[in-house]
Amino acid sequence: MAETRAVLWDLGHTLVDWDPRRVYRQLLPNEDAVEAFLGGVCTMAWHGRHDAGVSMAENRKPLIEAHPDKADLIIAWETRWPEMFDGWVEGMEAIVHTLEDAAVPQYALTNLPAEKWPHILETYPLIAGFDAHVVSGEEGLIKPDPRIYETTAARIAHAPAETVFFDDREANVDAARDFGFDAVRFESASQVRDELAVRGLKL
């Protein structure tokens, strides 16, 4: 294993706590209605088009045509986007702070709509201070497409083998590992501390 010299972070469900249910629990009468809406209308597959670079305004048009009675709920995905967030994933802010204090380079690789990237930069100054960011919506590529790892490798200042990557999705981890990154599936802050310690970054 090459010496670990940098950390590459996924954002949603790894560093930042994002869940659309937070909004729709306020707008729908019960949990069953929330799950039915997110499972059959504003699905993760539909949202993935935002991550791939399609604007929210454009992406919602056919969905509203198909579900005109749910137009307000569909539009809320964009207008109430900040309410889907609840700070940092438990324990992760402290880890990012400690790495920053230790001058360990940190990078972000996230599937995120380009138009919502400014919200992240404003809400999470630590993330804004990372040495480089690769945002799927800006690149028109989403994880686990191998091309986004190629883009990331070209953007950051360290070789993939020297960079440990944490992501909560196994497919993304596998693709990153295939490209040459030292990739780990994220589980918890304590697990991250253990993985960094094994690589000589004791926090």
Protein backbone atom coordinates (compact mmCIF):
# COMPACT_ATOMS: atom_id res chain seq x y z
CA MET A 1 0.00 0.00 0.00
CA ALA A 2 1.30 3.44 -0.95
CA GLU A 3 1.75 6.04 1.75
CA THR A 4 -1.52 7.88 2.39
CA ARG A 5 -1.02 11.59 1.83
CA ALA A 6 -4.56 12.93 1.21
CA VAL A 7 -8.23 12.24 1.88
CA LEU A 8 -11.02 12.37 -0.72
CA TRP A 9 -14.54 12.65 0.66
CA ASP A 10 -17.97 11.89 -0.65
CA LEU A 11 -20.42 14.39 0.87
CA GLY A 12 -24.02 13.16 1.25
CA HIS A 13 -24.34 10.46 3.94
CA THR A 14 -20.59 10.62 4.53
CA LEU A 15 -19.81 14.17 5.62
CA VAL A 16 -23.19 15.91 5.44
CA ASP A 17 -26.56 14.65 6.69
CA TRP A 18 -28.96 14.84 3.71
CA ASP A 19 -32.42 13.29 3.65
CA PRO A 20 -35.36 14.49 1.50
CA ARG A 21 -37.73 12.95 4.03
CA ARG A 22 -37.12 15.97 6.26
CA VAL A 23 -39.06 18.14 3.81
CA TYR A 24 -41.79 15.71 2.85
CA ARG A 25 -42.59 14.79 6.44
CA GLN A 26 -43.70 18.41 6.75
CA LEU A 27 -45.77 18.30 3.56
CA LEU A 28 -47.40 14.87 3.63
CA PRO A 29 -49.71 13.39 6.28
CA ASN A 30 -47.74 10.33 7.37
CA GLU A 31 -44.66 8.21 6.80
CA ASP A 32 -46.41 5.88 4.36
CA ALA A 33 -47.30 8.87 2.17
CA VAL A 34 -43.71 10.11 2.33
CA GLU A 35 -42.30 6.76 1.29
CA ALA A 36 -44.87 6.38 -1.49
CA PHE A 37 -44.00 9.81 -2.88
CA LEU A 38 -40.23 9.27 -2.73
CA GLY A 39 -40.59 5.75 -4.09
CA GLY A 40 -42.92 6.60 -6.95
CA VAL A 41 -42.61 10.28 -7.86
CA CYS A 42 -39.45 12.12 -6.74
CA THR A 43 -37.30 9.00 -6.81
CA MET A 44 -33.55 8.77 -6.42
CA ALA A 45 -33.32 7.77 -10.09
CA TRP A 46 -35.14 10.99 -11.01
CA HIS A 47 -32.91 13.02 -8.71
CA GLY A 48 -29.87 11.39 -10.32
CA ARG A 49 -30.53 13.48 -13.43
CA HIS A 50 -29.92 16.59 -11.33
CA ASP A 51 -26.63 15.09 -10.21
CA ALA A 52 -25.77 14.44 -13.87
CA GLY A 53 -26.22 18.08 -14.81
CA VAL A 54 -29.89 18.45 -15.79
CA SER A 55 -31.38 21.56 -14.20
CA MET A 56 -34.11 21.12 -11.62
CA ALA A 57 -36.48 23.30 -13.63
CA GLU A 58 -36.00 21.16 -16.74
CA ASN A 59 -36.05 17.84 -14.93
CA ARG A 60 -39.34 18.45 -13.16
CA LYS A 61 -41.35 19.34 -16.29
CA PRO A 62 -42.19 15.77 -17.39
CA LEU A 63 -42.73 14.73 -13.78
CA ILE A 64 -45.29 17.49 -13.26
CA GLU A 65 -46.97 16.54 -16.54
CA ALA A 66 -47.25 12.98 -15.26
CA HIS A 67 -48.36 14.03 -11.75
CA PRO A 68 -50.07 17.43 -12.07
CA ASP A 69 -51.78 17.01 -8.70
CA LYS A 70 -48.34 16.80 -7.06
CA ALA A 71 -46.76 19.84 -8.74
CA ASP A 72 -46.23 21.74 -5.49
CA LEU A 73 -44.58 18.73 -3.88
CA ILE A 74 -42.28 18.25 -6.87
CA ILE A 75 -41.28 21.91 -6.93
CA ALA A 76 -40.50 21.71 -3.21
CA TRP A 77 -37.51 19.51 -4.07
CA GLU A 78 -35.81 22.65 -5.35
CA THR A 79 -37.36 25.41 -3.27
CA ARG A 80 -36.95 23.64 0.07
CA TRP A 81 -33.64 21.96 -0.72
CA PRO A 82 -31.75 23.44 2.30
CA GLU A 83 -34.29 21.87 4.66
CA MET A 84 -33.16 18.41 3.52
CA PHE A 85 -29.90 18.95 5.41
CA ASP A 86 -29.19 18.65 9.11
CA GLY A 87 -25.56 19.57 9.61
CA TRP A 88 -22.72 17.09 9.64
CA VAL A 89 -22.88 13.33 9.86
CA GLU A 90 -22.18 12.59 13.51
CA GLY A 91 -18.51 12.91 14.38
CA MET A 92 -17.31 13.91 10.93
CA GLU A 93 -16.87 17.64 11.44
CA ALA A 94 -14.27 16.98 14.14
CA ILE A 95 -12.35 14.62 11.84
CA VAL A 96 -12.28 17.16 9.01
CA HIS A 97 -11.17 19.86 11.46
CA THR A 98 -8.36 17.67 12.79
CA LEU A 99 -7.10 16.80 9.32
CA GLU A 100 -7.17 20.48 8.40
CA ASP A 101 -5.19 21.38 11.53
CA ALA A 102 -2.67 18.66 10.63
CA ALA A 103 -2.34 20.12 7.09
CA VAL A 104 -3.56 16.89 5.48
CA PRO A 105 -4.91 17.75 2.00
CA GLN A 106 -8.64 17.10 1.67
CA TYR A 107 -10.73 16.89 -1.50
CA ALA A 108 -14.41 16.36 -2.28
CA LEU A 109 -15.98 14.15 -4.95
CA THR A 110 -19.75 14.43 -4.80
CA ASN A 111 -22.84 13.57 -6.80
CA LEU A 112 -24.68 16.89 -6.43
CA PRO A 113 -26.72 19.27 -8.62
CA ALA A 114 -24.51 22.09 -9.88
CA GLU A 115 -27.10 24.72 -8.99
CA LYS A 116 -27.11 23.57 -5.35
CA TRP A 117 -23.34 23.53 -4.93
CA PRO A 118 -23.28 27.16 -3.65
CA HIS A 119 -25.56 26.08 -0.78
CA ILE A 120 -22.94 23.55 0.33
CA LEU A 121 -20.14 26.10 0.13
CA GLU A 122 -22.12 28.59 2.19
CA THR A 123 -23.36 26.09 4.75
CA TYR A 124 -20.16 24.09 5.28
CA PRO A 125 -17.14 26.45 5.29
CA LEU A 126 -14.79 23.56 6.11
CA ILE A 127 -15.80 21.81 2.90
CA ALA A 128 -15.47 25.07 0.97
CA GLY A 129 -11.87 25.16 2.18
CA PHE A 130 -10.93 21.79 0.69
CA ASP A 131 -8.05 21.81 -1.77
CA ALA A 132 -10.23 20.73 -4.70
CA HIS A 133 -13.85 19.84 -5.42
CA VAL A 134 -15.34 17.66 -8.14
CA VAL A 135 -19.11 18.12 -8.42
CA SER A 136 -20.98 15.73 -10.70
CA GLY A 137 -23.53 18.30 -11.84
CA GLU A 138 -20.76 20.59 -13.03
CA GLU A 139 -18.94 17.79 -14.83
CA GLY A 140 -21.96 16.08 -16.40
CA LEU A 141 -20.70 12.80 -14.94
CA ILE A 142 -21.86 10.90 -11.88
CA LYS A 143 -20.32 8.24 -9.70
CA PRO A 144 -19.73 5.39 -10.35
CA ASP A 145 -18.91 6.35 -13.96
CA PRO A 146 -15.15 5.67 -14.29
CA ARG A 147 -14.72 8.98 -16.11
CA ILE A 148 -15.48 11.00 -12.98
CA TYR A 149 -12.60 9.28 -11.19
CA GLU A 150 -10.37 10.14 -14.12
CA THR A 151 -11.51 13.76 -13.81
CA THR A 152 -10.83 13.68 -10.08
CA ALA A 153 -7.35 12.24 -10.51
CA ALA A 154 -6.53 15.05 -12.92
CA ARG A 155 -7.93 17.69 -10.55
CA ILE A 156 -6.21 16.73 -7.30
CA ALA A 157 -2.55 17.06 -6.41
CA HIS A 158 -1.99 13.47 -5.24
CA ALA A 159 -1.91 10.13 -7.01
CA PRO A 160 -5.00 7.94 -6.49
CA ALA A 161 -2.93 5.33 -4.63
CA GLU A 162 -1.88 8.02 -2.13
CA THR A 163 -5.47 9.16 -1.61
CA VAL A 164 -7.97 7.40 0.64
CA PHE A 165 -11.55 7.87 -0.57
CA PHE A 166 -14.60 7.48 1.69
CA ASP A 167 -18.05 6.99 0.16
CA ASP A 168 -21.21 5.39 1.56
CA ARG A 169 -22.14 3.55 -1.65
CA GLU A 170 -20.45 0.26 -2.48
CA ALA A 171 -20.71 0.80 -6.25
CA ASN A 172 -18.85 4.10 -5.94
CA VAL A 173 -16.19 2.54 -3.75
CA ASP A 174 -15.69 -0.37 -6.14
CA ALA A 175 -15.35 1.96 -9.14
CA ALA A 176 -12.88 4.18 -7.32
CA ARG A 177 -10.84 1.17 -6.27
CA ASP A 178 -10.83 -0.14 -9.83
CA PHE A 179 -9.43 3.20 -10.96
CA GLY A 180 -6.65 3.05 -8.38
CA PHE A 181 -7.91 4.99 -5.37
CA ASP A 182 -7.58 3.53 -1.88
CA ALA A 183 -11.35 3.41 -1.42
CA VAL A 184 -13.31 2.54 1.72
CA ARG A 185 -17.06 2.27 2.20
CA PHE A 186 -18.10 4.76 4.86
CA GLU A 187 -19.89 3.44 7.95
CA SER A 188 -19.21 5.81 10.85
CA ALA A 189 -16.82 8.40 12.24
CA SER A 190 -15.17 5.83 14.48
CA GLN A 191 -14.58 3.56 11.48
CA VAL A 192 -13.01 6.49 9.58
CA ARG A 193 -10.68 7.18 12.50
CA ASP A 194 -9.63 3.53 12.51
CA GLU A 195 -9.06 3.48 8.74
CA LEU A 196 -6.99 6.66 8.89
CA ALA A 197 -4.95 5.34 11.81
CA VAL A 198 -4.12 2.17 9.86
CA ARG A 199 -2.79 4.47 7.13
CA GLY A 200 -0.64 6.46 9.53
CA LEU A 201 -3.04 9.37 10.05
CA LYS A 202 -3.77 9.11 13.76
CA LEU A 203 -6.35 11.62 14.96
